[in-house]
Amino acid sequence: MASIIINKASAEDTDIIQKLGIQTFSETSAKDNTEEAMEKYLKESFNTEKVTEELNNPESHFYIAWEEDNPVGYLKVNSGKAQTELQDDTSLEIERIYVKASHHGKKVGPLLYDQALKTAQQLYKSYLWLGVWEKNLRALNFYKKNGFVEFDKHIFRLGDEEQTDLMMKKTLE
């Protein structure tokens, strides 16, 4: 495997983020959800207008993991009002660490997570937080292993279906 490089994304990367988002979310979630729910969620979450708006938000930061010229995953973190909940000025939300199934177990997720930590430190944040689907055991184990603890739950809407996300946080040094 070639080395993985993490680069900050910009508005010019809309197409890459869209394709990565659709592919990685589908790979992770399609087997556990209806086709209709998946289709609705993907259309709402990864349409060109929405992704462009998110990339242009100064309080959201995107990073793409590259293996040579192949994008294999991405990170989206939010501060301030861009956070999906909490909106605590002392926190940084990890909204997405999405990695292609072909690159699971190849340290792409940990590299993107390290970038989230660096970004939190550069922005002088006190803690990281995130919501993770209670049935995504791979992600739950990863976050627990990295020192995150559950502090609440919230509802995540996938199409017309409601799912429970565990909210987790990690206090920074």
Protein backbone atom coordinates (compact mmCIF):
# COMPACT_ATOMS: atom_id res chain seq x y z
CA MET A 1 0.00 0.00 0.00
CA ALA A 2 1.26 3.46 -0.88
CA SER A 3 1.47 5.99 1.92
CA ILE A 4 -1.62 7.98 2.80
CA ILE A 5 -1.49 11.78 2.60
CA ILE A 6 -4.08 14.01 4.30
CA ASN A 7 -4.87 17.32 2.58
CA LYS A 8 -7.30 20.08 3.52
CA ALA A 9 -10.23 20.14 1.09
CA SER A 10 -11.65 23.24 -0.59
CA ALA A 11 -14.75 24.12 -2.61
CA GLU A 12 -13.01 22.70 -5.70
CA ASP A 13 -13.25 19.28 -4.04
CA THR A 14 -17.07 19.17 -3.99
CA ASP A 15 -17.27 16.29 -6.47
CA ILE A 16 -14.68 14.23 -4.56
CA ILE A 17 -16.44 14.76 -1.20
CA GLN A 18 -19.83 13.89 -2.77
CA LYS A 19 -18.56 10.66 -4.31
CA LEU A 20 -16.65 9.62 -1.18
CA GLY A 21 -19.64 10.42 1.03
CA ILE A 22 -22.08 8.43 -1.07
CA GLN A 23 -19.74 5.45 -1.50
CA THR A 24 -18.54 5.20 2.10
CA PHE A 25 -21.95 5.81 3.70
CA SER A 26 -23.50 3.22 1.39
CA GLU A 27 -20.78 0.67 2.13
CA THR A 28 -21.31 1.11 5.87
CA SER A 29 -25.07 1.51 6.09
CA ALA A 30 -26.88 -0.02 3.08
CA LYS A 31 -27.02 -3.54 4.53
CA ASP A 32 -28.83 -2.29 7.67
CA ASN A 33 -31.32 0.14 6.07
CA THR A 34 -34.03 0.20 3.43
CA GLU A 35 -33.21 1.24 -0.10
CA GLU A 36 -35.74 4.09 0.16
CA ALA A 37 -34.22 5.44 3.38
CA MET A 38 -30.71 5.24 1.93
CA GLU A 39 -31.73 6.96 -1.30
CA LYS A 40 -33.47 9.82 0.53
CA TYR A 41 -30.57 10.33 2.95
CA LEU A 42 -27.90 10.28 0.25
CA LYS A 43 -29.88 12.74 -1.89
CA GLU A 44 -30.38 15.12 1.05
CA SER A 45 -26.87 14.85 2.48
CA PHE A 46 -24.65 14.72 -0.58
CA ASN A 47 -26.32 16.88 -3.21
CA THR A 48 -24.03 19.43 -4.89
CA GLU A 49 -25.64 22.46 -3.26
CA LYS A 50 -25.38 21.06 0.28
CA VAL A 51 -21.79 19.83 -0.07
CA THR A 52 -20.70 23.14 -1.64
CA GLU A 53 -22.36 25.08 1.18
CA GLU A 54 -20.64 22.89 3.80
CA LEU A 55 -17.23 23.24 2.11
CA ASN A 56 -17.66 27.04 2.04
CA ASN A 57 -18.62 27.27 5.73
CA PRO A 58 -15.60 28.77 7.57
CA GLU A 59 -16.56 26.83 10.71
CA SER A 60 -16.41 23.44 8.94
CA HIS A 61 -13.13 21.84 7.93
CA PHE A 62 -12.76 18.96 5.49
CA TYR A 63 -9.68 16.82 4.94
CA ILE A 64 -9.26 14.18 2.24
CA ALA A 65 -7.11 11.06 2.65
CA TRP A 66 -5.24 10.29 -0.56
CA GLU A 67 -3.46 7.12 -1.63
CA GLU A 68 -1.43 8.49 -4.54
CA ASP A 69 -4.12 10.18 -6.70
CA ASN A 70 -6.97 8.07 -5.29
CA PRO A 71 -9.19 9.64 -2.57
CA VAL A 72 -9.84 6.89 0.02
CA GLY A 73 -11.61 8.74 2.82
CA TYR A 74 -12.39 12.07 4.40
CA LEU A 75 -12.89 13.91 7.65
CA LYS A 76 -15.41 16.65 8.42
CA VAL A 77 -15.10 18.61 11.67
CA ASN A 78 -17.28 21.51 12.84
CA SER A 79 -16.82 24.33 15.31
CA GLY A 80 -19.11 27.09 16.52
CA LYS A 81 -22.51 27.29 14.84
CA ALA A 82 -21.57 24.66 12.24
CA GLN A 83 -21.84 21.94 14.91
CA THR A 84 -24.93 19.79 14.50
CA GLU A 85 -25.67 20.06 18.22
CA LEU A 86 -24.06 21.44 21.39
CA GLN A 87 -22.53 24.43 19.55
CA ASP A 88 -20.15 24.93 22.44
CA ASP A 89 -17.34 27.32 21.51
CA THR A 90 -14.90 25.14 23.46
CA SER A 91 -15.68 22.00 21.44
CA LEU A 92 -14.99 20.56 18.02
CA GLU A 93 -17.45 18.09 16.52
CA ILE A 94 -16.21 15.18 14.44
CA GLU A 95 -19.17 14.90 12.09
CA ARG A 96 -17.64 12.38 9.71
CA ILE A 97 -14.67 10.09 9.44
CA TYR A 98 -15.58 8.15 6.31
CA VAL A 99 -13.20 5.58 4.81
CA LYS A 100 -13.73 3.36 1.77
CA ALA A 101 -14.32 -0.28 2.74
CA SER A 102 -11.29 -1.22 0.63
CA HIS A 103 -9.14 0.76 3.08
CA HIS A 104 -10.64 -0.38 6.41
CA GLY A 105 -7.85 -1.66 8.64
CA LYS A 106 -5.18 0.26 6.70
CA LYS A 107 -4.79 3.11 9.22
CA VAL A 108 -6.75 5.68 7.16
CA GLY A 109 -9.29 6.21 9.97
CA PRO A 110 -6.57 6.78 12.60
CA LEU A 111 -4.80 9.27 10.30
CA LEU A 112 -8.04 11.22 9.82
CA TYR A 113 -8.69 11.06 13.55
CA ASP A 114 -5.18 12.44 14.20
CA GLN A 115 -6.04 15.33 11.86
CA ALA A 116 -9.18 16.00 13.92
CA LEU A 117 -7.03 16.14 17.07
CA LYS A 118 -4.57 18.53 15.39
CA THR A 119 -7.40 20.76 14.21
CA ALA A 120 -8.91 20.84 17.72
CA GLN A 121 -5.53 21.84 19.16
CA GLN A 122 -4.97 24.52 16.49
CA LEU A 123 -8.42 25.95 17.30
CA TYR A 124 -7.75 25.76 21.09
CA LYS A 125 -10.69 23.46 21.78
CA SER A 126 -11.20 21.76 25.17
CA TYR A 127 -12.89 18.64 23.88
CA LEU A 128 -13.97 16.64 20.83
CA TRP A 129 -17.45 15.17 20.50
CA LEU A 130 -19.38 13.11 17.99
CA GLY A 131 -22.48 11.05 17.41
CA VAL A 132 -22.08 7.45 16.29
CA TRP A 133 -24.82 4.97 15.38
CA GLU A 134 -25.32 2.52 18.23
CA LYS A 135 -25.12 -0.40 15.77
CA ASN A 136 -21.81 0.72 14.19
CA LEU A 137 -19.65 -1.44 16.46
CA ARG A 138 -16.48 -0.87 14.42
CA ALA A 139 -16.72 2.90 14.95
CA LEU A 140 -17.82 2.59 18.59
CA ASN A 141 -14.83 0.40 19.39
CA PHE A 142 -12.47 2.79 17.58
CA TYR A 143 -13.69 5.80 19.56
CA LYS A 144 -13.69 3.96 22.90
CA LYS A 145 -10.14 2.78 22.20
CA ASN A 146 -9.19 6.43 21.60
CA GLY A 147 -10.57 7.64 24.94
CA PHE A 148 -14.10 8.76 24.03
CA VAL A 149 -16.86 8.20 26.59
CA GLU A 150 -20.62 8.17 26.05
CA PHE A 151 -22.42 11.19 27.53
CA ASP A 152 -25.84 11.23 25.84
CA LYS A 153 -27.95 9.93 22.94
CA HIS A 154 -29.73 11.63 20.07
CA ILE A 155 -31.91 10.70 17.14
CA PHE A 156 -30.34 10.48 13.69
CA ARG A 157 -32.79 10.60 10.80
CA LEU A 158 -32.04 8.31 7.87
CA GLY A 159 -34.71 9.02 5.31
CA ASP A 160 -37.96 8.68 7.27
CA GLU A 161 -36.42 6.33 9.81
CA GLU A 162 -35.15 7.32 13.25
CA GLN A 163 -32.00 5.73 14.63
CA THR A 164 -30.21 6.20 17.93
CA ASP A 165 -26.75 7.72 17.92
CA LEU A 166 -24.57 7.55 20.99
CA MET A 167 -22.99 10.92 21.72
CA MET A 168 -19.39 10.59 22.82
CA LYS A 169 -16.76 13.05 23.94
CA LYS A 170 -13.08 13.21 24.69
CA THR A 171 -11.54 15.91 26.86
CA LEU A 172 -8.27 17.25 25.46
CA GLU A 173 -5.14 17.97 27.48
